[in-house]
């Protein structure tokens, strides 16, 4: 969990840095474990 946390922490900081400096800002994909489902109460928003 600590290694996963560090990965996302650095990715978030890099995103802000790249937005500020104009460096190429790739949008990383996140894959969930095969049997994971997301309950409706965990949906934050749906945007057109």
ModelCIF file with pLDDT and N, C-alpha, C, O atoms, coordinates in Angstrom:
data_MODEL
#
_entry.id   MODEL 
#
_entity.id                         1 
_entity.type                       polymer 
_entity.pdbx_number_of_molecules   1 
#
_entity_poly.entity_id                      1 
_entity_poly.type                           'polypeptide(L)' 
_entity_poly.nstd_linkage                   no 
_entity_poly.nstd_monomer                   no 
_entity_poly.pdbx_seq_one_letter_code       
;(UNK)(UNK)(UNK)(UNK)(UNK)(UNK)(UNK)(UNK)(UNK)(UNK)(UNK)(UNK)(UNK)(UNK)(UNK)(UNK)
(UNK)(UNK)(UNK)(UNK)(UNK)(UNK)(UNK)(UNK)(UNK)(UNK)(UNK)(UNK)(UNK)(UNK)(UNK)(UNK)
(UNK)(UNK)(UNK)(UNK)(UNK)(UNK)(UNK)(UNK)(UNK)(UNK)(UNK)(UNK)(UNK)(UNK)(UNK)(UNK)
;
_entity_poly.pdbx_seq_one_letter_code_can   XXXXXXXXXXXXXXXXXXXXXXXXXXXXXXXXXXXXXXXXXXXXXXXX 
_entity_poly.pdbx_strand_id                 A 
#
loop_
_entity_poly_seq.entity_id 
_entity_poly_seq.num 
_entity_poly_seq.mon_id 
_entity_poly_seq.hetero 
1 1  UNK n 
1 2  UNK n 
1 3  UNK n 
1 4  UNK n 
1 5  UNK n 
1 6  UNK n 
1 7  UNK n 
1 8  UNK n 
1 9  UNK n 
1 10 UNK n 
1 11 UNK n 
1 12 UNK n 
1 13 UNK n 
1 14 UNK n 
1 15 UNK n 
1 16 UNK n 
1 17 UNK n 
1 18 UNK n 
1 19 UNK n 
1 20 UNK n 
1 21 UNK n 
1 22 UNK n 
1 23 UNK n 
1 24 UNK n 
1 25 UNK n 
1 26 UNK n 
1 27 UNK n 
1 28 UNK n 
1 29 UNK n 
1 30 UNK n 
1 31 UNK n 
1 32 UNK n 
1 33 UNK n 
1 34 UNK n 
1 35 UNK n 
1 36 UNK n 
1 37 UNK n 
1 38 UNK n 
1 39 UNK n 
1 40 UNK n 
1 41 UNK n 
1 42 UNK n 
1 43 UNK n 
1 44 UNK n 
1 45 UNK n 
1 46 UNK n 
1 47 UNK n 
1 48 UNK n 
#
_struct_asym.id          A 
_struct_asym.entity_id   1 
#
loop_
_ma_qa_metric.id 
_ma_qa_metric.mode 
_ma_qa_metric.name 
_ma_qa_metric.software_group_id 
_ma_qa_metric.type 
1 global pLDDT . pLDDT 
2 local  pLDDT . pLDDT 
#
_ma_qa_metric_global.metric_id      1 
_ma_qa_metric_global.metric_value   94.02 
_ma_qa_metric_global.model_id       1 
_ma_qa_metric_global.ordinal_id     1 
#
loop_
_ma_qa_metric_local.label_asym_id 
_ma_qa_metric_local.label_comp_id 
_ma_qa_metric_local.label_seq_id 
_ma_qa_metric_local.metric_id 
_ma_qa_metric_local.metric_value 
_ma_qa_metric_local.model_id 
_ma_qa_metric_local.ordinal_id 
A UNK 1  2 88.00 1 1  
A UNK 2  2 91.00 1 2  
A UNK 3  2 91.00 1 3  
A UNK 4  2 92.00 1 4  
A UNK 5  2 93.00 1 5  
A UNK 6  2 94.00 1 6  
A UNK 7  2 94.00 1 7  
A UNK 8  2 95.00 1 8  
A UNK 9  2 96.00 1 9  
A UNK 10 2 96.00 1 10 
A UNK 11 2 96.00 1 11 
A UNK 12 2 97.00 1 12 
A UNK 13 2 98.00 1 13 
A UNK 14 2 97.00 1 14 
A UNK 15 2 96.00 1 15 
A UNK 16 2 97.00 1 16 
A UNK 17 2 98.00 1 17 
A UNK 18 2 97.00 1 18 
A UNK 19 2 95.00 1 19 
A UNK 20 2 96.00 1 20 
A UNK 21 2 96.00 1 21 
A UNK 22 2 94.00 1 22 
A UNK 23 2 95.00 1 23 
A UNK 24 2 90.00 1 24 
A UNK 25 2 89.00 1 25 
A UNK 26 2 86.00 1 26 
A UNK 27 2 91.00 1 27 
A UNK 28 2 90.00 1 28 
A UNK 29 2 92.00 1 29 
A UNK 30 2 95.00 1 30 
A UNK 31 2 94.00 1 31 
A UNK 32 2 95.00 1 32 
A UNK 33 2 92.00 1 33 
A UNK 34 2 86.00 1 34 
A UNK 35 2 86.00 1 35 
A UNK 36 2 94.00 1 36 
A UNK 37 2 95.00 1 37 
A UNK 38 2 96.00 1 38 
A UNK 39 2 95.00 1 39 
A UNK 40 2 96.00 1 40 
A UNK 41 2 96.00 1 41 
A UNK 42 2 97.00 1 42 
A UNK 43 2 97.00 1 43 
A UNK 44 2 96.00 1 44 
A UNK 45 2 96.00 1 45 
A UNK 46 2 97.00 1 46 
A UNK 47 2 95.00 1 47 
A UNK 48 2 95.00 1 48 
#
loop_
_atom_site.group_PDB 
_atom_site.id 
_atom_site.type_symbol 
_atom_site.label_atom_id 
_atom_site.label_alt_id 
_atom_site.label_comp_id 
_atom_site.label_asym_id 
_atom_site.label_entity_id 
_atom_site.label_seq_id 
_atom_site.pdbx_PDB_ins_code 
_atom_site.Cartn_x 
_atom_site.Cartn_y 
_atom_site.Cartn_z 
_atom_site.occupancy 
_atom_site.B_iso_or_equiv 
_atom_site.pdbx_formal_charge 
_atom_site.auth_seq_id 
_atom_site.auth_comp_id 
_atom_site.auth_asym_id 
_atom_site.auth_atom_id 
_atom_site.pdbx_PDB_model_num 
ATOM 1   N N  . UNK A 1 1  ? 0.833   -1.202 0.000   1.00 88.00 ? 1  UNK A N  1 
ATOM 2   C CA . UNK A 1 1  ? 0.000   0.000  0.000   1.00 88.00 ? 1  UNK A CA 1 
ATOM 3   C C  . UNK A 1 1  ? 0.868   1.253  0.000   1.00 88.00 ? 1  UNK A C  1 
ATOM 4   O O  . UNK A 1 1  ? 0.539   2.247  -0.647  1.00 88.00 ? 1  UNK A O  1 
ATOM 5   N N  . UNK A 1 2  ? 1.972   1.197  0.726   1.00 91.00 ? 2  UNK A N  1 
ATOM 6   C CA . UNK A 1 2  ? 2.862   2.358  0.774   1.00 91.00 ? 2  UNK A CA 1 
ATOM 7   C C  . UNK A 1 2  ? 3.457   2.641  -0.601  1.00 91.00 ? 2  UNK A C  1 
ATOM 8   O O  . UNK A 1 2  ? 3.528   3.800  -1.009  1.00 91.00 ? 2  UNK A O  1 
ATOM 9   N N  . UNK A 1 3  ? 3.883   1.614  -1.319  1.00 91.00 ? 3  UNK A N  1 
ATOM 10  C CA . UNK A 1 3  ? 4.451   1.801  -2.652  1.00 91.00 ? 3  UNK A CA 1 
ATOM 11  C C  . UNK A 1 3  ? 3.417   2.362  -3.624  1.00 91.00 ? 3  UNK A C  1 
ATOM 12  O O  . UNK A 1 3  ? 3.733   3.216  -4.453  1.00 91.00 ? 3  UNK A O  1 
ATOM 13  N N  . UNK A 1 4  ? 2.183   1.879  -3.520  1.00 92.00 ? 4  UNK A N  1 
ATOM 14  C CA . UNK A 1 4  ? 1.113   2.392  -4.387  1.00 92.00 ? 4  UNK A CA 1 
ATOM 15  C C  . UNK A 1 4  ? 0.828   3.851  -4.047  1.00 92.00 ? 4  UNK A C  1 
ATOM 16  O O  . UNK A 1 4  ? 0.647   4.676  -4.943  1.00 92.00 ? 4  UNK A O  1 
ATOM 17  N N  . UNK A 1 5  ? 0.790   4.165  -2.775  1.00 93.00 ? 5  UNK A N  1 
ATOM 18  C CA . UNK A 1 5  ? 0.556   5.537  -2.338  1.00 93.00 ? 5  UNK A CA 1 
ATOM 19  C C  . UNK A 1 5  ? 1.630   6.477  -2.880  1.00 93.00 ? 5  UNK A C  1 
ATOM 20  O O  . UNK A 1 5  ? 1.320   7.564  -3.366  1.00 93.00 ? 5  UNK A O  1 
ATOM 21  N N  . UNK A 1 6  ? 2.878   6.062  -2.796  1.00 94.00 ? 6  UNK A N  1 
ATOM 22  C CA . UNK A 1 6  ? 3.994   6.883  -3.284  1.00 94.00 ? 6  UNK A CA 1 
ATOM 23  C C  . UNK A 1 6  ? 3.882   7.109  -4.788  1.00 94.00 ? 6  UNK A C  1 
ATOM 24  O O  . UNK A 1 6  ? 4.139   8.211  -5.272  1.00 94.00 ? 6  UNK A O  1 
ATOM 25  N N  . UNK A 1 7  ? 3.501   6.073  -5.525  1.00 94.00 ? 7  UNK A N  1 
ATOM 26  C CA . UNK A 1 7  ? 3.351   6.186  -6.982  1.00 94.00 ? 7  UNK A CA 1 
ATOM 27  C C  . UNK A 1 7  ? 2.343   7.278  -7.335  1.00 94.00 ? 7  UNK A C  1 
ATOM 28  O O  . UNK A 1 7  ? 2.612   8.117  -8.194  1.00 94.00 ? 7  UNK A O  1 
ATOM 29  N N  . UNK A 1 8  ? 1.189   7.269  -6.678  1.00 95.00 ? 8  UNK A N  1 
ATOM 30  C CA . UNK A 1 8  ? 0.162   8.260  -6.992  1.00 95.00 ? 8  UNK A CA 1 
ATOM 31  C C  . UNK A 1 8  ? 0.520   9.641  -6.465  1.00 95.00 ? 8  UNK A C  1 
ATOM 32  O O  . UNK A 1 8  ? 0.211   10.650 -7.099  1.00 95.00 ? 8  UNK A O  1 
ATOM 33  N N  . UNK A 1 9  ? 1.159   9.688  -5.325  1.00 96.00 ? 9  UNK A N  1 
ATOM 34  C CA . UNK A 1 9  ? 1.588   10.970 -4.774  1.00 96.00 ? 9  UNK A CA 1 
ATOM 35  C C  . UNK A 1 9  ? 2.533   11.673 -5.748  1.00 96.00 ? 9  UNK A C  1 
ATOM 36  O O  . UNK A 1 9  ? 2.353   12.853 -6.052  1.00 96.00 ? 9  UNK A O  1 
ATOM 37  N N  . UNK A 1 10 ? 3.524   10.956 -6.228  1.00 96.00 ? 10 UNK A N  1 
ATOM 38  C CA . UNK A 1 10 ? 4.481   11.537 -7.176  1.00 96.00 ? 10 UNK A CA 1 
ATOM 39  C C  . UNK A 1 10 ? 3.783   11.885 -8.492  1.00 96.00 ? 10 UNK A C  1 
ATOM 40  O O  . UNK A 1 10 ? 4.064   12.930 -9.080  1.00 96.00 ? 10 UNK A O  1 
ATOM 41  N N  . UNK A 1 11 ? 2.882   11.026 -8.959  1.00 96.00 ? 11 UNK A N  1 
ATOM 42  C CA . UNK A 1 11 ? 2.162   11.293 -10.209 1.00 96.00 ? 11 UNK A CA 1 
ATOM 43  C C  . UNK A 1 11 ? 1.358   12.585 -10.114 1.00 96.00 ? 11 UNK A C  1 
ATOM 44  O O  . UNK A 1 11 ? 1.303   13.349 -11.078 1.00 96.00 ? 11 UNK A O  1 
ATOM 45  N N  . UNK A 1 12 ? 0.734   12.840 -8.964  1.00 97.00 ? 12 UNK A N  1 
ATOM 46  C CA . UNK A 1 12 ? -0.047  14.066 -8.776  1.00 97.00 ? 12 UNK A CA 1 
ATOM 47  C C  . UNK A 1 12 ? 0.861   15.298 -8.785  1.00 97.00 ? 12 UNK A C  1 
ATOM 48  O O  . UNK A 1 12 ? 0.549   16.305 -9.420  1.00 97.00 ? 12 UNK A O  1 
ATOM 49  N N  . UNK A 1 13 ? 1.975   15.205 -8.081  1.00 98.00 ? 13 UNK A N  1 
ATOM 50  C CA . UNK A 1 13 ? 2.910   16.337 -8.077  1.00 98.00 ? 13 UNK A CA 1 
ATOM 51  C C  . UNK A 1 13 ? 3.477   16.579 -9.474  1.00 98.00 ? 13 UNK A C  1 
ATOM 52  O O  . UNK A 1 13 ? 3.623   17.728 -9.892  1.00 98.00 ? 13 UNK A O  1 
ATOM 53  N N  . UNK A 1 14 ? 3.794   15.515 -10.192 1.00 97.00 ? 14 UNK A N  1 
ATOM 54  C CA . UNK A 1 14 ? 4.313   15.671 -11.546 1.00 97.00 ? 14 UNK A CA 1 
ATOM 55  C C  . UNK A 1 14 ? 3.276   16.306 -12.466 1.00 97.00 ? 14 UNK A C  1 
ATOM 56  O O  . UNK A 1 14 ? 3.617   17.135 -13.309 1.00 97.00 ? 14 UNK A O  1 
ATOM 57  N N  . UNK A 1 15 ? 2.021   15.923 -12.308 1.00 96.00 ? 15 UNK A N  1 
ATOM 58  C CA . UNK A 1 15 ? 0.965   16.504 -13.134 1.00 96.00 ? 15 UNK A CA 1 
ATOM 59  C C  . UNK A 1 15 ? 0.925   18.022 -12.958 1.00 96.00 ? 15 UNK A C  1 
ATOM 60  O O  . UNK A 1 15 ? 0.841   18.760 -13.940 1.00 96.00 ? 15 UNK A O  1 
ATOM 61  N N  . UNK A 1 16 ? 0.984   18.485 -11.719 1.00 97.00 ? 16 UNK A N  1 
ATOM 62  C CA . UNK A 1 16 ? 0.969   19.927 -11.459 1.00 97.00 ? 16 UNK A CA 1 
ATOM 63  C C  . UNK A 1 16 ? 2.216   20.600 -12.023 1.00 97.00 ? 16 UNK A C  1 
ATOM 64  O O  . UNK A 1 16 ? 2.133   21.683 -12.603 1.00 97.00 ? 16 UNK A O  1 
ATOM 65  N N  . UNK A 1 17 ? 3.362   19.963 -11.852 1.00 98.00 ? 17 UNK A N  1 
ATOM 66  C CA . UNK A 1 17 ? 4.612   20.530 -12.365 1.00 98.00 ? 17 UNK A CA 1 
ATOM 67  C C  . UNK A 1 17 ? 4.583   20.635 -13.886 1.00 98.00 ? 17 UNK A C  1 
ATOM 68  O O  . UNK A 1 17 ? 4.985   21.653 -14.450 1.00 98.00 ? 17 UNK A O  1 
ATOM 69  N N  . UNK A 1 18 ? 4.108   19.584 -14.546 1.00 97.00 ? 18 UNK A N  1 
ATOM 70  C CA . UNK A 1 18 ? 4.084   19.582 -16.010 1.00 97.00 ? 18 UNK A CA 1 
ATOM 71  C C  . UNK A 1 18 ? 3.070   20.586 -16.552 1.00 97.00 ? 18 UNK A C  1 
ATOM 72  O O  . UNK A 1 18 ? 3.297   21.195 -17.597 1.00 97.00 ? 18 UNK A O  1 
ATOM 73  N N  . UNK A 1 19 ? 1.953   20.761 -15.847 1.00 95.00 ? 19 UNK A N  1 
ATOM 74  C CA . UNK A 1 19 ? 0.980   21.768 -16.252 1.00 95.00 ? 19 UNK A CA 1 
ATOM 75  C C  . UNK A 1 19 ? 1.592   23.168 -16.170 1.00 95.00 ? 19 UNK A C  1 
ATOM 76  O O  . UNK A 1 19 ? 1.314   24.022 -17.012 1.00 95.00 ? 19 UNK A O  1 
ATOM 77  N N  . UNK A 1 20 ? 2.416   23.395 -15.164 1.00 96.00 ? 20 UNK A N  1 
ATOM 78  C CA . UNK A 1 20 ? 3.007   24.717 -14.956 1.00 96.00 ? 20 UNK A CA 1 
ATOM 79  C C  . UNK A 1 20 ? 4.127   25.011 -15.947 1.00 96.00 ? 20 UNK A C  1 
ATOM 80  O O  . UNK A 1 20 ? 4.318   26.161 -16.343 1.00 96.00 ? 20 UNK A O  1 
ATOM 81  N N  . UNK A 1 21 ? 4.870   23.979 -16.350 1.00 96.00 ? 21 UNK A N  1 
ATOM 82  C CA . UNK A 1 21 ? 6.064   24.201 -17.182 1.00 96.00 ? 21 UNK A CA 1 
ATOM 83  C C  . UNK A 1 21 ? 5.847   23.911 -18.660 1.00 96.00 ? 21 UNK A C  1 
ATOM 84  O O  . UNK A 1 21 ? 6.698   24.253 -19.481 1.00 96.00 ? 21 UNK A O  1 
ATOM 85  N N  . UNK A 1 22 ? 4.724   23.285 -19.019 1.00 94.00 ? 22 UNK A N  1 
ATOM 86  C CA . UNK A 1 22 ? 4.476   22.953 -20.421 1.00 94.00 ? 22 UNK A CA 1 
ATOM 87  C C  . UNK A 1 22 ? 5.074   21.644 -20.874 1.00 94.00 ? 22 UNK A C  1 
ATOM 88  O O  . UNK A 1 22 ? 5.030   21.316 -22.060 1.00 94.00 ? 22 UNK A O  1 
ATOM 89  N N  . UNK A 1 23 ? 5.637   20.886 -19.941 1.00 95.00 ? 23 UNK A N  1 
ATOM 90  C CA . UNK A 1 23 ? 6.188   19.570 -20.280 1.00 95.00 ? 23 UNK A CA 1 
ATOM 91  C C  . UNK A 1 23 ? 5.047   18.609 -20.631 1.00 95.00 ? 23 UNK A C  1 
ATOM 92  O O  . UNK A 1 23 ? 3.935   18.737 -20.118 1.00 95.00 ? 23 UNK A O  1 
ATOM 93  N N  . UNK A 1 24 ? 5.335   17.653 -21.508 1.00 90.00 ? 24 UNK A N  1 
ATOM 94  C CA . UNK A 1 24 ? 4.292   16.696 -21.922 1.00 90.00 ? 24 UNK A CA 1 
ATOM 95  C C  . UNK A 1 24 ? 3.658   16.014 -20.715 1.00 90.00 ? 24 UNK A C  1 
ATOM 96  O O  . UNK A 1 24 ? 4.343   15.419 -19.884 1.00 90.00 ? 24 UNK A O  1 
ATOM 97  N N  . UNK A 1 25 ? 2.340   16.114 -20.642 1.00 89.00 ? 25 UNK A N  1 
ATOM 98  C CA . UNK A 1 25 ? 1.626   15.642 -19.448 1.00 89.00 ? 25 UNK A CA 1 
ATOM 99  C C  . UNK A 1 25 ? 0.746   14.457 -19.814 1.00 89.00 ? 25 UNK A C  1 
ATOM 100 O O  . UNK A 1 25 ? -0.429  14.633 -20.134 1.00 89.00 ? 25 UNK A O  1 
ATOM 101 N N  . UNK A 1 26 ? 1.304   13.252 -19.769 1.00 86.00 ? 26 UNK A N  1 
ATOM 102 C CA . UNK A 1 26 ? 0.537   12.057 -20.087 1.00 86.00 ? 26 UNK A CA 1 
ATOM 103 C C  . UNK A 1 26 ? -0.471  11.770 -18.976 1.00 86.00 ? 26 UNK A C  1 
ATOM 104 O O  . UNK A 1 26 ? -0.207  11.993 -17.794 1.00 86.00 ? 26 UNK A O  1 
ATOM 105 N N  . UNK A 1 27 ? -1.629  11.271 -19.389 1.00 91.00 ? 27 UNK A N  1 
ATOM 106 C CA . UNK A 1 27 ? -2.674  10.912 -18.428 1.00 91.00 ? 27 UNK A CA 1 
ATOM 107 C C  . UNK A 1 27 ? -2.627  9.405  -18.205 1.00 91.00 ? 27 UNK A C  1 
ATOM 108 O O  . UNK A 1 27 ? -3.092  8.632  -19.043 1.00 91.00 ? 27 UNK A O  1 
ATOM 109 N N  . UNK A 1 28 ? -2.065  8.993  -17.071 1.00 90.00 ? 28 UNK A N  1 
ATOM 110 C CA . UNK A 1 28 ? -1.835  7.578  -16.810 1.00 90.00 ? 28 UNK A CA 1 
ATOM 111 C C  . UNK A 1 28 ? -3.158  6.814  -16.678 1.00 90.00 ? 28 UNK A C  1 
ATOM 112 O O  . UNK A 1 28 ? -4.153  7.348  -16.188 1.00 90.00 ? 28 UNK A O  1 
ATOM 113 N N  . UNK A 1 29 ? -3.143  5.561  -17.124 1.00 92.00 ? 29 UNK A N  1 
ATOM 114 C CA . UNK A 1 29 ? -4.295  4.683  -16.931 1.00 92.00 ? 29 UNK A CA 1 
ATOM 115 C C  . UNK A 1 29 ? -4.186  3.976  -15.582 1.00 92.00 ? 29 UNK A C  1 
ATOM 116 O O  . UNK A 1 29 ? -3.091  3.676  -15.105 1.00 92.00 ? 29 UNK A O  1 
ATOM 117 N N  . UNK A 1 30 ? -5.344  3.720  -14.984 1.00 95.00 ? 30 UNK A N  1 
ATOM 118 C CA . UNK A 1 30 ? -5.429  2.979  -13.729 1.00 95.00 ? 30 UNK A CA 1 
ATOM 119 C C  . UNK A 1 30 ? -6.319  1.769  -13.979 1.00 95.00 ? 30 UNK A C  1 
ATOM 120 O O  . UNK A 1 30 ? -7.437  1.907  -14.476 1.00 95.00 ? 30 UNK A O  1 
ATOM 121 N N  . UNK A 1 31 ? -5.815  0.567  -13.630 1.00 94.00 ? 31 UNK A N  1 
ATOM 122 C CA . UNK A 1 31 ? -6.560  -0.675 -13.842 1.00 94.00 ? 31 UNK A CA 1 
ATOM 123 C C  . UNK A 1 31 ? -6.930  -1.271 -12.481 1.00 94.00 ? 31 UNK A C  1 
ATOM 124 O O  . UNK A 1 31 ? -6.089  -1.371 -11.587 1.00 94.00 ? 31 UNK A O  1 
ATOM 125 N N  . UNK A 1 32 ? -8.177  -1.658 -12.341 1.00 95.00 ? 32 UNK A N  1 
ATOM 126 C CA . UNK A 1 32 ? -8.627  -2.271 -11.096 1.00 95.00 ? 32 UNK A CA 1 
ATOM 127 C C  . UNK A 1 32 ? -8.473  -3.787 -11.171 1.00 95.00 ? 32 UNK A C  1 
ATOM 128 O O  . UNK A 1 32 ? -8.377  -4.360 -12.256 1.00 95.00 ? 32 UNK A O  1 
ATOM 129 N N  . UNK A 1 33 ? -8.451  -4.416 -10.021 1.00 92.00 ? 33 UNK A N  1 
ATOM 130 C CA . UNK A 1 33 ? -8.375  -5.870 -9.976  1.00 92.00 ? 33 UNK A CA 1 
ATOM 131 C C  . UNK A 1 33 ? -9.613  -6.462 -10.646 1.00 92.00 ? 33 UNK A C  1 
ATOM 132 O O  . UNK A 1 33 ? -10.684 -5.855 -10.637 1.00 92.00 ? 33 UNK A O  1 
ATOM 133 N N  . UNK A 1 34 ? -9.457  -7.649 -11.225 1.00 86.00 ? 34 UNK A N  1 
ATOM 134 C CA . UNK A 1 34 ? -10.449 -8.234 -12.131 1.00 86.00 ? 34 UNK A CA 1 
ATOM 135 C C  . UNK A 1 34 ? -11.868 -8.273 -11.571 1.00 86.00 ? 34 UNK A C  1 
ATOM 136 O O  . UNK A 1 34 ? -12.813 -7.969 -12.298 1.00 86.00 ? 34 UNK A O  1 
ATOM 137 N N  . UNK A 1 35 ? -12.040 -8.628 -10.339 1.00 86.00 ? 35 UNK A N  1 
ATOM 138 C CA . UNK A 1 35 ? -13.387 -8.822 -9.798  1.00 86.00 ? 35 UNK A CA 1 
ATOM 139 C C  . UNK A 1 35 ? -13.937 -7.589 -9.087  1.00 86.00 ? 35 UNK A C  1 
ATOM 140 O O  . UNK A 1 35 ? -14.995 -7.659 -8.461  1.00 86.00 ? 35 UNK A O  1 
ATOM 141 N N  . UNK A 1 36 ? -13.237 -6.473 -9.175  1.00 94.00 ? 36 UNK A N  1 
ATOM 142 C CA . UNK A 1 36 ? -13.673 -5.264 -8.468  1.00 94.00 ? 36 UNK A CA 1 
ATOM 143 C C  . UNK A 1 36 ? -14.851 -4.602 -9.173  1.00 94.00 ? 36 UNK A C  1 
ATOM 144 O O  . UNK A 1 36 ? -14.829 -4.394 -10.387 1.00 94.00 ? 36 UNK A O  1 
ATOM 145 N N  . UNK A 1 37 ? -15.869 -4.278 -8.402  1.00 95.00 ? 37 UNK A N  1 
ATOM 146 C CA . UNK A 1 37 ? -17.000 -3.483 -8.882  1.00 95.00 ? 37 UNK A CA 1 
ATOM 147 C C  . UNK A 1 37 ? -17.072 -2.199 -8.067  1.00 95.00 ? 37 UNK A C  1 
ATOM 148 O O  . UNK A 1 37 ? -16.643 -2.162 -6.914  1.00 95.00 ? 37 UNK A O  1 
ATOM 149 N N  . UNK A 1 38 ? -17.610 -1.158 -8.666  1.00 96.00 ? 38 UNK A N  1 
ATOM 150 C CA . UNK A 1 38 ? -17.717 0.137  -7.993  1.00 96.00 ? 38 UNK A CA 1 
ATOM 151 C C  . UNK A 1 38 ? -19.182 0.412  -7.680  1.00 96.00 ? 38 UNK A C  1 
ATOM 152 O O  . UNK A 1 38 ? -19.998 0.574  -8.588  1.00 96.00 ? 38 UNK A O  1 
ATOM 153 N N  . UNK A 1 39 ? -19.512 0.462  -6.393  1.00 95.00 ? 39 UNK A N  1 
ATOM 154 C CA . UNK A 1 39 ? -20.886 0.744  -5.985  1.00 95.00 ? 39 UNK A CA 1 
ATOM 155 C C  . UNK A 1 39 ? -21.294 2.148  -6.429  1.00 95.00 ? 39 UNK A C  1 
ATOM 156 O O  . UNK A 1 39 ? -20.456 3.035  -6.595  1.00 95.00 ? 39 UNK A O  1 
ATOM 157 N N  . UNK A 1 40 ? -22.588 2.324  -6.615  1.00 96.00 ? 40 UNK A N  1 
ATOM 158 C CA . UNK A 1 40 ? -23.106 3.610  -7.088  1.00 96.00 ? 40 UNK A CA 1 
ATOM 159 C C  . UNK A 1 40 ? -22.732 4.762  -6.159  1.00 96.00 ? 40 UNK A C  1 
ATOM 160 O O  . UNK A 1 40 ? -22.524 5.886  -6.617  1.00 96.00 ? 40 UNK A O  1 
ATOM 161 N N  . UNK A 1 41 ? -22.645 4.488  -4.853  1.00 96.00 ? 41 UNK A N  1 
ATOM 162 C CA . UNK A 1 41 ? -22.340 5.579  -3.911  1.00 96.00 ? 41 UNK A CA 1 
ATOM 163 C C  . UNK A 1 41 ? -20.893 6.049  -3.994  1.00 96.00 ? 41 UNK A C  1 
ATOM 164 O O  . UNK A 1 41 ? -20.515 7.016  -3.333  1.00 96.00 ? 41 UNK A O  1 
ATOM 165 N N  . UNK A 1 42 ? -20.076 5.365  -4.808  1.00 97.00 ? 42 UNK A N  1 
ATOM 166 C CA . UNK A 1 42 ? -18.686 5.812  -4.992  1.00 97.00 ? 42 UNK A CA 1 
ATOM 167 C C  . UNK A 1 42 ? -18.505 6.614  -6.279  1.00 97.00 ? 42 UNK A C  1 
ATOM 168 O O  . UNK A 1 42 ? -17.395 7.050  -6.584  1.00 97.00 ? 42 UNK A O  1 
ATOM 169 N N  . UNK A 1 43 ? -19.571 6.809  -7.025  1.00 97.00 ? 43 UNK A N  1 
ATOM 170 C CA . UNK A 1 43 ? -19.485 7.656  -8.212  1.00 97.00 ? 43 UNK A CA 1 
ATOM 171 C C  . UNK A 1 43 ? -19.506 9.115  -7.762  1.00 97.00 ? 43 UNK A C  1 
ATOM 172 O O  . UNK A 1 43 ? -20.439 9.552  -7.089  1.00 97.00 ? 43 UNK A O  1 
ATOM 173 N N  . UNK A 1 44 ? -18.479 9.854  -8.135  1.00 96.00 ? 44 UNK A N  1 
ATOM 174 C CA . UNK A 1 44 ? -18.336 11.250 -7.714  1.00 96.00 ? 44 UNK A CA 1 
ATOM 175 C C  . UNK A 1 44 ? -19.102 12.174 -8.637  1.00 96.00 ? 44 UNK A C  1 
ATOM 176 O O  . UNK A 1 44 ? -19.803 13.079 -8.184  1.00 96.00 ? 44 UNK A O  1 
ATOM 177 N N  . UNK A 1 45 ? -18.967 11.942 -9.934  1.00 96.00 ? 45 UNK A N  1 
ATOM 178 C CA . UNK A 1 45 ? -19.703 12.752 -10.903 1.00 96.00 ? 45 UNK A CA 1 
ATOM 179 C C  . UNK A 1 45 ? -19.724 12.062 -12.257 1.00 96.00 ? 45 UNK A C  1 
ATOM 180 O O  . UNK A 1 45 ? -18.882 11.211 -12.543 1.00 96.00 ? 45 UNK A O  1 
ATOM 181 N N  . UNK A 1 46 ? -20.692 12.434 -13.089 1.00 97.00 ? 46 UNK A N  1 
ATOM 182 C CA . UNK A 1 46 ? -20.750 12.013 -14.481 1.00 97.00 ? 46 UNK A CA 1 
ATOM 183 C C  . UNK A 1 46 ? -20.850 13.280 -15.323 1.00 97.00 ? 46 UNK A C  1 
ATOM 184 O O  . UNK A 1 46 ? -21.800 14.050 -15.182 1.00 97.00 ? 46 UNK A O  1 
ATOM 185 N N  . UNK A 1 47 ? -19.887 13.494 -16.184 1.00 95.00 ? 47 UNK A N  1 
ATOM 186 C CA . UNK A 1 47 ? -19.828 14.720 -16.980 1.00 95.00 ? 47 UNK A CA 1 
ATOM 187 C C  . UNK A 1 47 ? -19.931 14.391 -18.470 1.00 95.00 ? 47 UNK A C  1 
ATOM 188 O O  . UNK A 1 47 ? -19.244 13.501 -18.971 1.00 95.00 ? 47 UNK A O  1 
ATOM 189 N N  . UNK A 1 48 ? -20.787 15.112 -19.157 1.00 95.00 ? 48 UNK A N  1 
ATOM 190 C CA . UNK A 1 48 ? -20.911 14.933 -20.611 1.00 95.00 ? 48 UNK A CA 1 
ATOM 191 C C  . UNK A 1 48 ? -19.689 15.505 -21.317 1.00 95.00 ? 48 UNK A C  1 
ATOM 192 O O  . UNK A 1 48 ? -19.604 15.451 -22.544 1.00 95.00 ? 48 UNK A O  1 
#
